């Protein structure tokens, strides 16, 4: 099953307006406006959901930075979440074989292979969420929607992918900053998840200098 996530931005709101709501330590305020109330940080400073230990039958994402030749740029960013780039031929089946329950695709609808992946996911029974990030960085609405999925143990383990893991790293960095993680630490986590050429846009949203 594929879930298509439409943009939530209201008519007339620019992407830059969305960026301003993240900067200057106001990340939580911006996300609250989109319906995200800081669920990733529980009272008492508990770990955010993807880092908590979940009892029972909740499986974890595989360790390592290379799990299959069909899955590019794989990285486990939390016990229950991993990021990756392209899934080559046989990659989606490999995702299932590795035990992943949910796949989030950040590619645009018209990018190569997106429709074929959706059809294949439907055929093999993999839960797939299409959250297209077509701008330089995800806006606060997209991060809010991402948070809903990434904080749901019912979705674990989860693989977040795009073409190179660049967008996956960007949305992970912004999500982590939204949970209260220091912006520089969140940026480093994003880099580990695959953030590269989109770092400048992520820095701008987080209120960090263009280069350090």
Foldseek 3Di string as FASTA:
>chain_A
DEAEDDDPDDPPDDLVNLLVCQEPLNLQVSLVVLVFNLQQADPPRDHGQLADDDDDDQQFQDADQDDDPQWARWHRLHRWEIETAHRHVCRVVVCVVRPFQEEEEQADPPDPPPVVVVVVCVVVVHYYYYNHDPDLADGSNSLSVVSVQSNDSVRTNYYYYYHGQQRVLRSQLSNVVNNVPQNVVSNVSSVSRGHDPSSQVSCSSHVHDSPD
